[in-house]
Amino acid sequence: MTTVVIRADASRTMGIGHIKRCLSVAAALQQAGAVAVLAWRHVDVDCRPVIELAGCTSICIADTALGDQYVDAQAFVAAAQPHRPDFVLVDHYGLDAVWHRTVRALLPAKRLGAIDDLGDRPLDVDLLVDHNHSADHQLKYSDRLQRPARLLGGAAYAMLAPSFAHAPRRSVSDIVTSIGIFMGGTDDGGYSAMVHATLRRHLAFAGPIEIATTSGNRHLQALRAVCQQDQELTLTVDQQDLAQFFARHDLHIGAGGGATWERCCTGAPSVAVIVADNQRSVILPIAGLGVLSVVDIVPPTPEVLAPAIASLMRDAQARRAMARAAQALVDGRGCQRIAREILAP
């Protein structure tokens, strides 16, 4: 039986997107008969509950100084070695070819892969996954890959939970009757409450609103207080699979991270709000494909958010076209494709 050990981190500023997409890959690997283990380093978010809830083995590596790749690689190897990995998959913007080569030298894994979407550092891997849209992935990584690698590029490899392949799709109605908000798992900027206030105060939207978040959100208590004041507001916390959430509402407002692909897959018309500079590499390339509307002001404010939301709420035809384009881009089977590549002889 093949064992795959995955390395990723989460924090309040980074969010939990890397952990979540790695858990999606892990689920596909497990469905294919492999063993998946997720190794993480404690920063300021405890990843163990979400990892174990997903049915994946969790190992917390020894605390290391952020930025010291040699030390991190040694700590990772010490934690991973008892699992005898056949494949190591790393999803971390702070780790590059230095980490890859150190792990290769210390751990007798047969192959090593990376998940990346920035293309901003050297990579020494056998397999590279970049699910972002790009005109030419080979060109994007031509001077980054330090050995021949199998490159899996584009939304066909969007890392969604396997359940999204068969998840319900949203039928677009003429009128927006309910709205979903997901501003990332940790929402460090507290944008969920701001979006809610924008809908109620600036747009006078009176229908049901649902905010999805996690227990890692340091603004959770404040959101619960908002719920007590708004009877039409629902707060969903630590929902492992958001497929039903995205299919429930006529319109979604969300941070421009990995959940972008989940909204596309379910055909949920959405306003993607860029809340961090590195999200531009995800959102802007697909904005031109007509799959979403974008607000690119960091930090976002009600004054810039309200017109974008109002425009999409008024235009049912645009929402229908958006839903068709989004579902054509993402079919929800990306992790199964990645798992097949990892497990291939």
C-alpha atoms as a PDB file:
ATOM      1  CA  MET A   1       0.000   0.000   0.000  1.00  0.00           C
ATOM      2  CA  THR A   2       1.360   3.394  -1.010  1.00  0.00           C
ATOM      3  CA  THR A   3       1.917   5.949   1.746  1.00  0.00           C
ATOM      4  CA  VAL A   4       1.866   9.668   0.931  1.00  0.00           C
ATOM      5  CA  VAL A   5       3.039  12.188   3.529  1.00  0.00           C
ATOM      6  CA  ILE A   6       1.895  15.761   2.875  1.00  0.00           C
ATOM      7  CA  ARG A   7       3.503  18.900   4.349  1.00  0.00           C
ATOM      8  CA  ALA A   8       1.424  22.065   4.807  1.00  0.00           C
ATOM      9  CA  ASP A   9       0.802  24.808   7.371  1.00  0.00           C
ATOM     10  CA  ALA A  10      -1.964  27.145   8.509  1.00  0.00           C
ATOM     11  CA  SER A  11      -2.086  30.356  10.501  1.00  0.00           C
ATOM     12  CA  ARG A  12      -4.453  33.217  11.206  1.00  0.00           C
ATOM     13  CA  THR A  13      -2.797  35.396   8.589  1.00  0.00           C
ATOM     14  CA  MET A  14      -2.210  32.582   6.075  1.00  0.00           C
ATOM     15  CA  GLY A  15      -5.618  30.973   6.636  1.00  0.00           C
ATOM     16  CA  ILE A  16      -6.301  27.251   6.421  1.00  0.00           C
ATOM     17  CA  GLY A  17      -6.603  27.006   2.643  1.00  0.00           C
ATOM     18  CA  HIS A  18      -3.404  24.999   2.189  1.00  0.00           C
ATOM     19  CA  ILE A  19      -4.505  22.484   4.825  1.00  0.00           C
ATOM     20  CA  LYS A  20      -7.982  22.194   3.309  1.00  0.00           C
ATOM     21  CA  ARG A  21      -6.809  21.590  -0.243  1.00  0.00           C
ATOM     22  CA  CYS A  22      -4.241  19.066   0.968  1.00  0.00           C
ATOM     23  CA  LEU A  23      -6.994  17.256   2.864  1.00  0.00           C
ATOM     24  CA  SER A  24      -8.959  17.099  -0.389  1.00  0.00           C
ATOM     25  CA  VAL A  25      -5.999  15.442  -2.102  1.00  0.00           C
ATOM     26  CA  ALA A  26      -5.602  13.139   0.903  1.00  0.00           C
ATOM     27  CA  ALA A  27      -9.257  12.080   0.656  1.00  0.00           C
ATOM     28  CA  ALA A  28      -8.837  11.201  -3.021  1.00  0.00           C
ATOM     29  CA  LEU A  29      -5.674   9.237  -2.221  1.00  0.00           C
ATOM     30  CA  GLN A  30      -7.477   7.306   0.502  1.00  0.00           C
ATOM     31  CA  GLN A  31     -10.388   6.558  -1.820  1.00  0.00           C
ATOM     32  CA  ALA A  32      -7.823   5.137  -4.248  1.00  0.00           C
ATOM     33  CA  GLY A  33      -6.472   2.815  -1.559  1.00  0.00           C
ATOM     34  CA  ALA A  34      -3.424   4.780  -0.378  1.00  0.00           C
ATOM     35  CA  VAL A  35      -2.474   5.915   3.117  1.00  0.00           C
ATOM     36  CA  ALA A  36      -2.370   9.714   3.587  1.00  0.00           C
ATOM     37  CA  VAL A  37      -0.598  11.538   6.406  1.00  0.00           C
ATOM     38  CA  LEU A  38      -0.562  15.321   6.877  1.00  0.00           C
ATOM     39  CA  ALA A  39       2.422  16.899   8.641  1.00  0.00           C
ATOM     40  CA  TRP A  40       2.067  20.454   9.926  1.00  0.00           C
ATOM     41  CA  ARG A  41       3.836  22.889  12.234  1.00  0.00           C
ATOM     42  CA  HIS A  42       1.916  24.719  14.944  1.00  0.00           C
ATOM     43  CA  VAL A  43       1.953  28.474  14.299  1.00  0.00           C
ATOM     44  CA  ASP A  44      -1.171  29.942  15.916  1.00  0.00           C
ATOM     45  CA  VAL A  45      -3.874  27.583  14.636  1.00  0.00           C
ATOM     46  CA  ASP A  46      -4.348  24.018  15.888  1.00  0.00           C
ATOM     47  CA  CYS A  47      -4.780  21.979  12.700  1.00  0.00           C
ATOM     48  CA  ARG A  48      -5.233  18.606  14.386  1.00  0.00           C
ATOM     49  CA  PRO A  49      -9.063  18.727  14.818  1.00  0.00           C
ATOM     50  CA  VAL A  50      -9.786  19.589  11.177  1.00  0.00           C
ATOM     51  CA  ILE A  51      -7.271  17.002   9.926  1.00  0.00           C
ATOM     52  CA  GLU A  52      -8.592  14.212  12.105  1.00  0.00           C
ATOM     53  CA  LEU A  53     -12.199  15.148  11.341  1.00  0.00           C
ATOM     54  CA  ALA A  54     -11.358  14.595   7.682  1.00  0.00           C
ATOM     55  CA  GLY A  55     -10.142  11.079   8.495  1.00  0.00           C
ATOM     56  CA  CYS A  56      -6.480  11.805   7.812  1.00  0.00           C
ATOM     57  CA  THR A  57      -3.545  10.971  10.075  1.00  0.00           C
ATOM     58  CA  SER A  58      -2.131  14.113  11.680  1.00  0.00           C
ATOM     59  CA  ILE A  59       1.472  14.638  12.745  1.00  0.00           C
ATOM     60  CA  CYS A  60       2.617  17.919  14.256  1.00  0.00           C
ATOM     61  CA  ILE A  61       6.295  18.396  13.489  1.00  0.00           C
ATOM     62  CA  ALA A  62       8.686  19.939  15.986  1.00  0.00           C
ATOM     63  CA  ASP A  63       8.443  23.703  16.267  1.00  0.00           C
ATOM     64  CA  THR A  64      10.994  25.338  13.989  1.00  0.00           C
ATOM     65  CA  ALA A  65      12.048  28.856  13.173  1.00  0.00           C
ATOM     66  CA  LEU A  66      10.011  30.034  10.198  1.00  0.00           C
ATOM     67  CA  GLY A  67      12.354  30.505   7.265  1.00  0.00           C
ATOM     68  CA  ASP A  68      15.004  27.955   8.269  1.00  0.00           C
ATOM     69  CA  GLN A  69      14.354  25.359   5.596  1.00  0.00           C
ATOM     70  CA  TYR A  70      17.119  22.984   6.705  1.00  0.00           C
ATOM     71  CA  VAL A  71      15.726  22.765  10.225  1.00  0.00           C
ATOM     72  CA  ASP A  72      12.164  22.436   8.951  1.00  0.00           C
ATOM     73  CA  ALA A  73      13.186  19.634   6.581  1.00  0.00           C
ATOM     74  CA  GLN A  74      14.979  17.780   9.386  1.00  0.00           C
ATOM     75  CA  ALA A  75      11.955  18.104  11.681  1.00  0.00           C
ATOM     76  CA  PHE A  76       9.689  16.904   8.890  1.00  0.00           C
ATOM     77  CA  VAL A  77      11.858  13.866   8.164  1.00  0.00           C
ATOM     78  CA  ALA A  78      11.976  12.943  11.851  1.00  0.00           C
ATOM     79  CA  ALA A  79       8.167  13.004  11.992  1.00  0.00           C
ATOM     80  CA  ALA A  80       7.564  11.350   8.608  1.00  0.00           C
ATOM     81  CA  GLN A  81      10.149   8.564   8.717  1.00  0.00           C
ATOM     82  CA  PRO A  82       8.131   6.185  10.943  1.00  0.00           C
ATOM     83  CA  HIS A  83       5.379   6.229   8.278  1.00  0.00           C
ATOM     84  CA  ARG A  84       7.824   5.064   5.572  1.00  0.00           C
ATOM     85  CA  PRO A  85       6.497   7.379   2.841  1.00  0.00           C
ATOM     86  CA  ASP A  86       6.596   6.390  -0.803  1.00  0.00           C
ATOM     87  CA  PHE A  87       5.752   9.927  -1.895  1.00  0.00           C
ATOM     88  CA  VAL A  88       6.161  13.343  -0.248  1.00  0.00           C
ATOM     89  CA  LEU A  89       3.860  16.188  -1.317  1.00  0.00           C
ATOM     90  CA  VAL A  90       4.569  19.712  -0.047  1.00  0.00           C
ATOM     91  CA  ASP A  91       2.245  22.723  -0.227  1.00  0.00           C
ATOM     92  CA  HIS A  92       4.085  25.694   1.245  1.00  0.00           C
ATOM     93  CA  TYR A  93       5.150  29.036  -0.239  1.00  0.00           C
ATOM     94  CA  GLY A  94       8.038  29.253   2.237  1.00  0.00           C
ATOM     95  CA  LEU A  95       9.700  26.010   1.125  1.00  0.00           C
ATOM     96  CA  ASP A  96      11.658  25.645  -2.091  1.00  0.00           C
ATOM     97  CA  ALA A  97      14.374  23.515  -3.714  1.00  0.00           C
ATOM     98  CA  VAL A  98      16.538  23.761  -0.582  1.00  0.00           C
ATOM     99  CA  TRP A  99      13.842  21.950   1.413  1.00  0.00           C
ATOM    100  CA  HIS A 100      13.189  19.465  -1.396  1.00  0.00           C
ATOM    101  CA  ARG A 101      16.856  18.494  -1.714  1.00  0.00           C
ATOM    102  CA  THR A 102      17.291  18.207   2.045  1.00  0.00           C
ATOM    103  CA  VAL A 103      14.304  15.882   2.330  1.00  0.00           C
ATOM    104  CA  ARG A 104      15.535  13.814  -0.627  1.00  0.00           C
ATOM    105  CA  ALA A 105      18.897  13.373   1.076  1.00  0.00           C
ATOM    106  CA  LEU A 106      17.441  12.372   4.446  1.00  0.00           C
ATOM    107  CA  LEU A 107      14.275  10.457   3.562  1.00  0.00           C
ATOM    108  CA  PRO A 108      14.183   7.432   1.258  1.00  0.00           C
ATOM    109  CA  ALA A 109      10.931   8.452  -0.434  1.00  0.00           C
ATOM    110  CA  LYS A 110      10.669   7.349  -4.037  1.00  0.00           C
ATOM    111  CA  ARG A 111       9.237  10.606  -5.386  1.00  0.00           C
ATOM    112  CA  LEU A 112       8.552  14.172  -4.278  1.00  0.00           C
ATOM    113  CA  GLY A 113       5.882  16.602  -5.457  1.00  0.00           C
ATOM    114  CA  ALA A 114       4.845  20.198  -4.827  1.00  0.00           C
ATOM    115  CA  ILE A 115       1.644  22.197  -4.971  1.00  0.00           C
ATOM    116  CA  ASP A 116       2.306  25.762  -6.068  1.00  0.00           C
ATOM    117  CA  ASP A 117       0.606  28.606  -7.869  1.00  0.00           C
ATOM    118  CA  LEU A 118       3.122  31.443  -7.587  1.00  0.00           C
ATOM    119  CA  GLY A 119       6.023  30.246  -9.736  1.00  0.00           C
ATOM    120  CA  ASP A 120       8.344  32.529  -7.775  1.00  0.00           C
ATOM    121  CA  ARG A 121      11.049  30.173  -6.446  1.00  0.00           C
ATOM    122  CA  PRO A 122      13.191  27.172  -7.463  1.00  0.00           C
ATOM    123  CA  LEU A 123      11.545  23.749  -7.176  1.00  0.00           C
ATOM    124  CA  ASP A 124      13.282  20.373  -7.177  1.00  0.00           C
ATOM    125  CA  VAL A 125      10.353  17.974  -7.588  1.00  0.00           C
ATOM    126  CA  ASP A 126       9.130  15.116  -9.768  1.00  0.00           C
ATOM    127  CA  LEU A 127       5.517  16.287  -9.863  1.00  0.00           C
ATOM    128  CA  LEU A 128       4.141  19.835  -9.778  1.00  0.00           C
ATOM    129  CA  VAL A 129       0.492  20.811  -9.361  1.00  0.00           C
ATOM    130  CA  ASP A 130      -0.714  24.336 -10.159  1.00  0.00           C
ATOM    131  CA  HIS A 131      -4.483  24.532 -10.423  1.00  0.00           C
ATOM    132  CA  ASN A 132      -4.500  28.218 -11.304  1.00  0.00           C
ATOM    133  CA  HIS A 133      -5.374  29.367 -14.797  1.00  0.00           C
ATOM    134  CA  SER A 134      -2.343  30.201 -16.949  1.00  0.00           C
ATOM    135  CA  ALA A 135      -1.810  30.719 -20.641  1.00  0.00           C
ATOM    136  CA  ASP A 136       1.277  28.480 -20.487  1.00  0.00           C
ATOM    137  CA  HIS A 137       2.188  26.565 -17.340  1.00  0.00           C
ATOM    138  CA  GLN A 138       5.338  25.145 -18.929  1.00  0.00           C
ATOM    139  CA  LEU A 139       6.598  28.668 -19.596  1.00  0.00           C
ATOM    140  CA  LYS A 140       5.563  29.831 -16.108  1.00  0.00           C
ATOM    141  CA  TYR A 141       7.842  27.239 -14.478  1.00  0.00           C
ATOM    142  CA  SER A 142      10.500  26.879 -17.174  1.00  0.00           C
ATOM    143  CA  ASP A 143      13.212  28.575 -15.104  1.00  0.00           C
ATOM    144  CA  ARG A 144      11.927  27.283 -11.744  1.00  0.00           C
ATOM    145  CA  LEU A 145      12.024  23.517 -12.143  1.00  0.00           C
ATOM    146  CA  GLN A 146      15.462  22.132 -11.415  1.00  0.00           C
ATOM    147  CA  ARG A 147      14.716  18.654 -12.775  1.00  0.00           C
ATOM    148  CA  PRO A 148      12.272  17.215 -15.326  1.00  0.00           C
ATOM    149  CA  ALA A 149       8.840  17.118 -13.695  1.00  0.00           C
ATOM    150  CA  ARG A 150       5.334  16.079 -14.587  1.00  0.00           C
ATOM    151  CA  LEU A 151       3.338  19.326 -14.582  1.00  0.00           C
ATOM    152  CA  LEU A 152      -0.396  19.284 -13.813  1.00  0.00           C
ATOM    153  CA  GLY A 153      -1.712  22.739 -14.632  1.00  0.00           C
ATOM    154  CA  GLY A 154      -5.105  24.399 -14.776  1.00  0.00           C
ATOM    155  CA  ALA A 155      -8.552  24.144 -13.234  1.00  0.00           C
ATOM    156  CA  ALA A 156      -8.886  20.487 -14.265  1.00  0.00           C
ATOM    157  CA  TYR A 157      -6.716  19.909 -11.178  1.00  0.00           C
ATOM    158  CA  ALA A 158      -8.648  22.209  -8.832  1.00  0.00           C
ATOM    159  CA  MET A 159      -8.250  20.668  -5.380  1.00  0.00           C
ATOM    160  CA  LEU A 160     -11.799  20.178  -4.168  1.00  0.00           C
ATOM    161  CA  ALA A 161     -13.104  17.519  -1.805  1.00  0.00           C
ATOM    162  CA  PRO A 162     -14.106  14.414  -3.811  1.00  0.00           C
ATOM    163  CA  SER A 163     -17.742  15.020  -2.873  1.00  0.00           C
ATOM    164  CA  PHE A 164     -17.810  18.065  -5.184  1.00  0.00           C
ATOM    165  CA  ALA A 165     -17.735  15.789  -8.237  1.00  0.00           C
ATOM    166  CA  HIS A 166     -21.329  14.795  -7.417  1.00  0.00           C
ATOM    167  CA  ALA A 167     -22.398  17.823  -5.377  1.00  0.00           C
ATOM    168  CA  PRO A 168     -25.664  19.618  -6.246  1.00  0.00           C
ATOM    169  CA  ARG A 169     -25.390  22.530  -8.653  1.00  0.00           C
ATOM    170  CA  ARG A 170     -27.207  25.801  -8.067  1.00  0.00           C
ATOM    171  CA  SER A 171     -30.017  26.782 -10.428  1.00  0.00           C
ATOM    172  CA  VAL A 172     -29.838  30.521 -11.005  1.00  0.00           C
ATOM    173  CA  SER A 173     -33.108  32.305 -10.198  1.00  0.00           C
ATOM    174  CA  ASP A 174     -34.310  35.658 -11.454  1.00  0.00           C
ATOM    175  CA  ILE A 175     -34.198  37.215  -7.995  1.00  0.00           C
ATOM    176  CA  VAL A 176     -31.503  36.865  -5.344  1.00  0.00           C
ATOM    177  CA  THR A 177     -33.398  35.579  -2.323  1.00  0.00           C
ATOM    178  CA  SER A 178     -30.465  34.417  -0.149  1.00  0.00           C
ATOM    179  CA  ILE A 179     -26.742  35.155   0.063  1.00  0.00           C
ATOM    180  CA  GLY A 180     -23.774  33.166   1.349  1.00  0.00           C
ATOM    181  CA  ILE A 181     -20.589  34.684   2.797  1.00  0.00           C
ATOM    182  CA  PHE A 182     -17.312  32.814   3.172  1.00  0.00           C
ATOM    183  CA  MET A 183     -14.304  35.063   3.721  1.00  0.00           C
ATOM    184  CA  GLY A 184     -11.832  32.264   4.421  1.00  0.00           C
ATOM    185  CA  GLY A 185     -11.486  29.811   7.262  1.00  0.00           C
ATOM    186  CA  THR A 186      -9.805  32.224   9.663  1.00  0.00           C
ATOM    187  CA  ASP A 187     -10.929  35.582   8.178  1.00  0.00           C
ATOM    188  CA  ASP A 188      -8.156  37.413   9.988  1.00  0.00           C
ATOM    189  CA  GLY A 189      -9.345  40.793   8.735  1.00  0.00           C
ATOM    190  CA  GLY A 190     -12.860  40.334  10.119  1.00  0.00           C
ATOM    191  CA  TYR A 191     -14.407  40.849   6.679  1.00  0.00           C
ATOM    192  CA  SER A 192     -17.433  38.576   7.229  1.00  0.00           C
ATOM    193  CA  ALA A 193     -19.080  41.141   9.498  1.00  0.00           C
ATOM    194  CA  MET A 194     -18.214  43.935   7.084  1.00  0.00           C
ATOM    195  CA  VAL A 195     -19.856  42.108   4.156  1.00  0.00           C
ATOM    196  CA  HIS A 196     -22.934  41.435   6.274  1.00  0.00           C
ATOM    197  CA  ALA A 197     -23.155  45.111   7.221  1.00  0.00           C
ATOM    198  CA  THR A 198     -22.748  46.098   3.566  1.00  0.00           C
ATOM    199  CA  LEU A 199     -25.685  43.901   2.559  1.00  0.00           C
ATOM    200  CA  ARG A 200     -27.962  45.149   5.306  1.00  0.00           C
ATOM    201  CA  ARG A 201     -27.057  48.824   5.570  1.00  0.00           C
ATOM    202  CA  HIS A 202     -25.771  49.811   2.123  1.00  0.00           C
ATOM    203  CA  LEU A 203     -27.946  47.545  -0.043  1.00  0.00           C
ATOM    204  CA  ALA A 204     -30.950  47.084   2.248  1.00  0.00           C
ATOM    205  CA  PHE A 205     -30.995  43.366   1.513  1.00  0.00           C
ATOM    206  CA  ALA A 206     -33.524  41.800   3.898  1.00  0.00           C
ATOM    207  CA  GLY A 207     -33.331  38.135   2.892  1.00  0.00           C
ATOM    208  CA  PRO A 208     -31.519  35.241   4.572  1.00  0.00           C
ATOM    209  CA  ILE A 209     -27.722  35.462   4.884  1.00  0.00           C
ATOM    210  CA  GLU A 210     -25.460  32.595   5.888  1.00  0.00           C
ATOM    211  CA  ILE A 211     -21.857  33.112   7.031  1.00  0.00           C
ATOM    212  CA  ALA A 212     -19.547  30.088   6.941  1.00  0.00           C
ATOM    213  CA  THR A 213     -16.361  30.104   8.998  1.00  0.00           C
ATOM    214  CA  THR A 214     -14.267  27.966  11.356  1.00  0.00           C
ATOM    215  CA  SER A 215     -13.432  27.892  15.044  1.00  0.00           C
ATOM    216  CA  GLY A 216     -10.013  29.306  14.058  1.00  0.00           C
ATOM    217  CA  ASN A 217     -11.683  32.652  13.348  1.00  0.00           C
ATOM    218  CA  ARG A 218     -10.671  35.046  16.149  1.00  0.00           C
ATOM    219  CA  HIS A 219     -13.753  37.157  15.374  1.00  0.00           C
ATOM    220  CA  LEU A 220     -16.144  34.269  16.023  1.00  0.00           C
ATOM    221  CA  GLN A 221     -17.571  35.700  19.246  1.00  0.00           C
ATOM    222  CA  ALA A 222     -18.330  39.000  17.514  1.00  0.00           C
ATOM    223  CA  LEU A 223     -20.073  37.139  14.677  1.00  0.00           C
ATOM    224  CA  ARG A 224     -22.213  35.248  17.178  1.00  0.00           C
ATOM    225  CA  ALA A 225     -23.228  38.598  18.660  1.00  0.00           C
ATOM    226  CA  VAL A 226     -24.235  39.860  15.194  1.00  0.00           C
ATOM    227  CA  CYS A 227     -26.360  36.724  14.752  1.00  0.00           C
ATOM    228  CA  GLN A 228     -28.280  37.494  17.918  1.00  0.00           C
ATOM    229  CA  GLN A 229     -29.228  40.875  16.474  1.00  0.00           C
ATOM    230  CA  ASP A 230     -30.204  39.598  12.998  1.00  0.00           C
ATOM    231  CA  GLN A 231     -32.826  36.868  12.918  1.00  0.00           C
ATOM    232  CA  GLU A 232     -32.224  36.272   9.202  1.00  0.00           C
ATOM    233  CA  LEU A 233     -28.510  35.586   9.699  1.00  0.00           C
ATOM    234  CA  THR A 234     -27.167  32.031  10.122  1.00  0.00           C
ATOM    235  CA  LEU A 235     -23.639  31.206  11.263  1.00  0.00           C
ATOM    236  CA  THR A 236     -22.157  27.875  10.116  1.00  0.00           C
ATOM    237  CA  VAL A 237     -18.949  26.856  11.902  1.00  0.00           C
ATOM    238  CA  ASP A 238     -16.468  24.093  11.065  1.00  0.00           C
ATOM    239  CA  GLN A 239     -18.514  22.602   8.241  1.00  0.00           C
ATOM    240  CA  GLN A 240     -16.185  20.015   6.749  1.00  0.00           C
ATOM    241  CA  ASP A 241     -17.768  20.111   3.296  1.00  0.00           C
ATOM    242  CA  LEU A 242     -19.106  23.419   1.952  1.00  0.00           C
ATOM    243  CA  ALA A 243     -20.670  21.960  -1.202  1.00  0.00           C
ATOM    244  CA  GLN A 244     -24.198  22.200   0.219  1.00  0.00           C
ATOM    245  CA  PHE A 245     -23.493  25.706   1.516  1.00  0.00           C
ATOM    246  CA  PHE A 246     -22.456  26.942  -1.926  1.00  0.00           C
ATOM    247  CA  ALA A 247     -25.460  25.284  -3.578  1.00  0.00           C
ATOM    248  CA  ARG A 248     -27.899  26.802  -1.067  1.00  0.00           C
ATOM    249  CA  HIS A 249     -27.703  30.453  -2.083  1.00  0.00           C
ATOM    250  CA  ASP A 250     -28.437  32.572  -5.141  1.00  0.00           C
ATOM    251  CA  LEU A 251     -25.316  34.689  -4.667  1.00  0.00           C
ATOM    252  CA  HIS A 252     -22.022  34.316  -2.822  1.00  0.00           C
ATOM    253  CA  ILE A 253     -19.480  36.834  -1.572  1.00  0.00           C
ATOM    254  CA  GLY A 254     -16.149  35.272  -0.737  1.00  0.00           C
ATOM    255  CA  ALA A 255     -12.447  35.840  -0.284  1.00  0.00           C
ATOM    256  CA  GLY A 256     -10.380  35.076  -3.352  1.00  0.00           C
ATOM    257  CA  GLY A 257      -8.714  31.906  -2.094  1.00  0.00           C
ATOM    258  CA  GLY A 258      -9.166  28.201  -2.741  1.00  0.00           C
ATOM    259  CA  ALA A 259     -12.934  28.338  -2.155  1.00  0.00           C
ATOM    260  CA  THR A 260     -13.115  30.165  -5.490  1.00  0.00           C
ATOM    261  CA  TRP A 261     -12.951  26.782  -7.216  1.00  0.00           C
ATOM    262  CA  GLU A 262     -15.680  25.362  -4.982  1.00  0.00           C
ATOM    263  CA  ARG A 263     -18.005  28.204  -5.896  1.00  0.00           C
ATOM    264  CA  CYS A 264     -17.220  27.646  -9.574  1.00  0.00           C
ATOM    265  CA  CYS A 265     -17.914  23.923  -9.350  1.00  0.00           C
ATOM    266  CA  THR A 266     -21.358  24.394  -7.811  1.00  0.00           C
ATOM    267  CA  GLY A 267     -22.242  27.147 -10.284  1.00  0.00           C
ATOM    268  CA  ALA A 268     -22.725  29.687  -7.519  1.00  0.00           C
ATOM    269  CA  PRO A 269     -22.645  33.242  -8.964  1.00  0.00           C
ATOM    270  CA  SER A 270     -20.130  35.098  -6.848  1.00  0.00           C
ATOM    271  CA  VAL A 271     -18.266  38.272  -6.054  1.00  0.00           C
ATOM    272  CA  ALA A 272     -14.663  37.349  -5.292  1.00  0.00           C
ATOM    273  CA  VAL A 273     -13.088  39.787  -2.827  1.00  0.00           C
ATOM    274  CA  ILE A 274      -9.300  39.967  -2.891  1.00  0.00           C
ATOM    275  CA  VAL A 275      -8.172  40.333   0.715  1.00  0.00           C
ATOM    276  CA  ALA A 276      -4.481  39.450   0.259  1.00  0.00           C
ATOM    277  CA  ASP A 277      -2.021  40.303  -2.481  1.00  0.00           C
ATOM    278  CA  ASN A 278      -1.222  36.683  -3.351  1.00  0.00           C
ATOM    279  CA  GLN A 279      -4.898  36.032  -4.173  1.00  0.00           C
ATOM    280  CA  ARG A 280      -4.547  38.112  -7.318  1.00  0.00           C
ATOM    281  CA  SER A 281      -2.641  35.267  -8.966  1.00  0.00           C
ATOM    282  CA  VAL A 282      -5.733  33.082  -8.446  1.00  0.00           C
ATOM    283  CA  ILE A 283      -8.526  35.508  -9.207  1.00  0.00           C
ATOM    284  CA  LEU A 284      -7.393  37.914 -11.915  1.00  0.00           C
ATOM    285  CA  PRO A 285      -6.462  35.276 -14.538  1.00  0.00           C
ATOM    286  CA  ILE A 286      -9.930  33.694 -14.356  1.00  0.00           C
ATOM    287  CA  ALA A 287     -11.862  36.965 -14.069  1.00  0.00           C
ATOM    288  CA  GLY A 288     -11.528  37.371 -17.823  1.00  0.00           C
ATOM    289  CA  LEU A 289     -13.172  33.973 -18.316  1.00  0.00           C
ATOM    290  CA  GLY A 290     -16.452  35.340 -16.977  1.00  0.00           C
ATOM    291  CA  VAL A 291     -16.712  32.959 -14.017  1.00  0.00           C
ATOM    292  CA  LEU A 292     -16.926  35.605 -11.286  1.00  0.00           C
ATOM    293  CA  SER A 293     -17.008  39.286 -10.443  1.00  0.00           C
ATOM    294  CA  VAL A 294     -13.988  40.802  -8.692  1.00  0.00           C
ATOM    295  CA  VAL A 295     -13.400  43.452  -6.053  1.00  0.00           C
ATOM    296  CA  ASP A 296      -9.680  44.240  -6.046  1.00  0.00           C
ATOM    297  CA  ILE A 297      -9.206  46.786  -3.283  1.00  0.00           C
ATOM    298  CA  VAL A 298      -7.160  45.726  -0.243  1.00  0.00           C
ATOM    299  CA  PRO A 299      -8.563  46.125   2.317  1.00  0.00           C
ATOM    300  CA  PRO A 300     -12.079  46.024   0.839  1.00  0.00           C
ATOM    301  CA  THR A 301     -14.593  48.593   2.040  1.00  0.00           C
ATOM    302  CA  PRO A 302     -18.414  48.767   1.879  1.00  0.00           C
ATOM    303  CA  GLU A 303     -18.129  51.672  -0.551  1.00  0.00           C
ATOM    304  CA  VAL A 304     -16.381  49.550  -3.194  1.00  0.00           C
ATOM    305  CA  LEU A 305     -18.090  46.268  -2.330  1.00  0.00           C
ATOM    306  CA  ALA A 306     -21.701  47.471  -2.476  1.00  0.00           C
ATOM    307  CA  PRO A 307     -21.749  48.534  -6.174  1.00  0.00           C
ATOM    308  CA  ALA A 308     -20.187  45.237  -7.297  1.00  0.00           C
ATOM    309  CA  ILE A 309     -22.747  43.202  -5.352  1.00  0.00           C
ATOM    310  CA  ALA A 310     -25.667  45.383  -6.462  1.00  0.00           C
ATOM    311  CA  SER A 311     -24.688  45.086 -10.131  1.00  0.00           C
ATOM    312  CA  LEU A 312     -24.670  41.290 -10.017  1.00  0.00           C
ATOM    313  CA  MET A 313     -27.884  41.121  -7.976  1.00  0.00           C
ATOM    314  CA  ARG A 314     -29.727  43.144 -10.621  1.00  0.00           C
ATOM    315  CA  ASP A 315     -28.512  41.123 -13.608  1.00  0.00           C
ATOM    316  CA  ALA A 316     -29.958  37.589 -13.683  1.00  0.00           C
ATOM    317  CA  GLN A 317     -28.661  37.052 -17.214  1.00  0.00           C
ATOM    318  CA  ALA A 318     -25.108  37.804 -16.094  1.00  0.00           C
ATOM    319  CA  ARG A 319     -25.474  35.416 -13.159  1.00  0.00           C
ATOM    320  CA  ARG A 320     -26.660  32.621 -15.466  1.00  0.00           C
ATOM    321  CA  ALA A 321     -23.774  33.168 -17.869  1.00  0.00           C
ATOM    322  CA  MET A 322     -21.375  33.226 -14.913  1.00  0.00           C
ATOM    323  CA  ALA A 323     -22.739  29.927 -13.567  1.00  0.00           C
ATOM    324  CA  ARG A 324     -22.394  28.214 -16.965  1.00  0.00           C
ATOM    325  CA  ALA A 325     -18.830  29.425 -17.454  1.00  0.00           C
ATOM    326  CA  ALA A 326     -17.825  28.480 -13.907  1.00  0.00           C
ATOM    327  CA  GLN A 327     -19.162  24.931 -14.126  1.00  0.00           C
ATOM    328  CA  ALA A 328     -17.507  24.440 -17.496  1.00  0.00           C
ATOM    329  CA  LEU A 329     -14.180  25.438 -15.926  1.00  0.00           C
ATOM    330  CA  VAL A 330     -14.293  23.213 -12.804  1.00  0.00           C
ATOM    331  CA  ASP A 331     -15.834  19.735 -12.746  1.00  0.00           C
ATOM    332  CA  GLY A 332     -14.843  18.754  -9.189  1.00  0.00           C
ATOM    333  CA  ARG A 333     -12.600  15.822 -10.167  1.00  0.00           C
ATOM    334  CA  GLY A 334      -9.218  17.528  -9.838  1.00  0.00           C
ATOM    335  CA  CYS A 335      -8.072  15.641  -6.739  1.00  0.00           C
ATOM    336  CA  GLN A 336      -8.896  12.298  -8.297  1.00  0.00           C
ATOM    337  CA  ARG A 337      -6.669  13.219 -11.260  1.00  0.00           C
ATOM    338  CA  ILE A 338      -3.860  14.273  -8.921  1.00  0.00           C
ATOM    339  CA  ALA A 339      -4.186  11.063  -6.913  1.00  0.00           C
ATOM    340  CA  ARG A 340      -3.915   8.970 -10.083  1.00  0.00           C
ATOM    341  CA  GLU A 341      -0.693  10.770 -11.023  1.00  0.00           C
ATOM    342  CA  ILE A 342       0.796  10.319  -7.550  1.00  0.00           C
ATOM    343  CA  LEU A 343      -0.068   6.624  -7.447  1.00  0.00           C
ATOM    344  CA  ALA A 344       0.926   5.860 -11.037  1.00  0.00           C
ATOM    345  CA  PRO A 345       3.911   3.463 -11.377  1.00  0.00           C
END
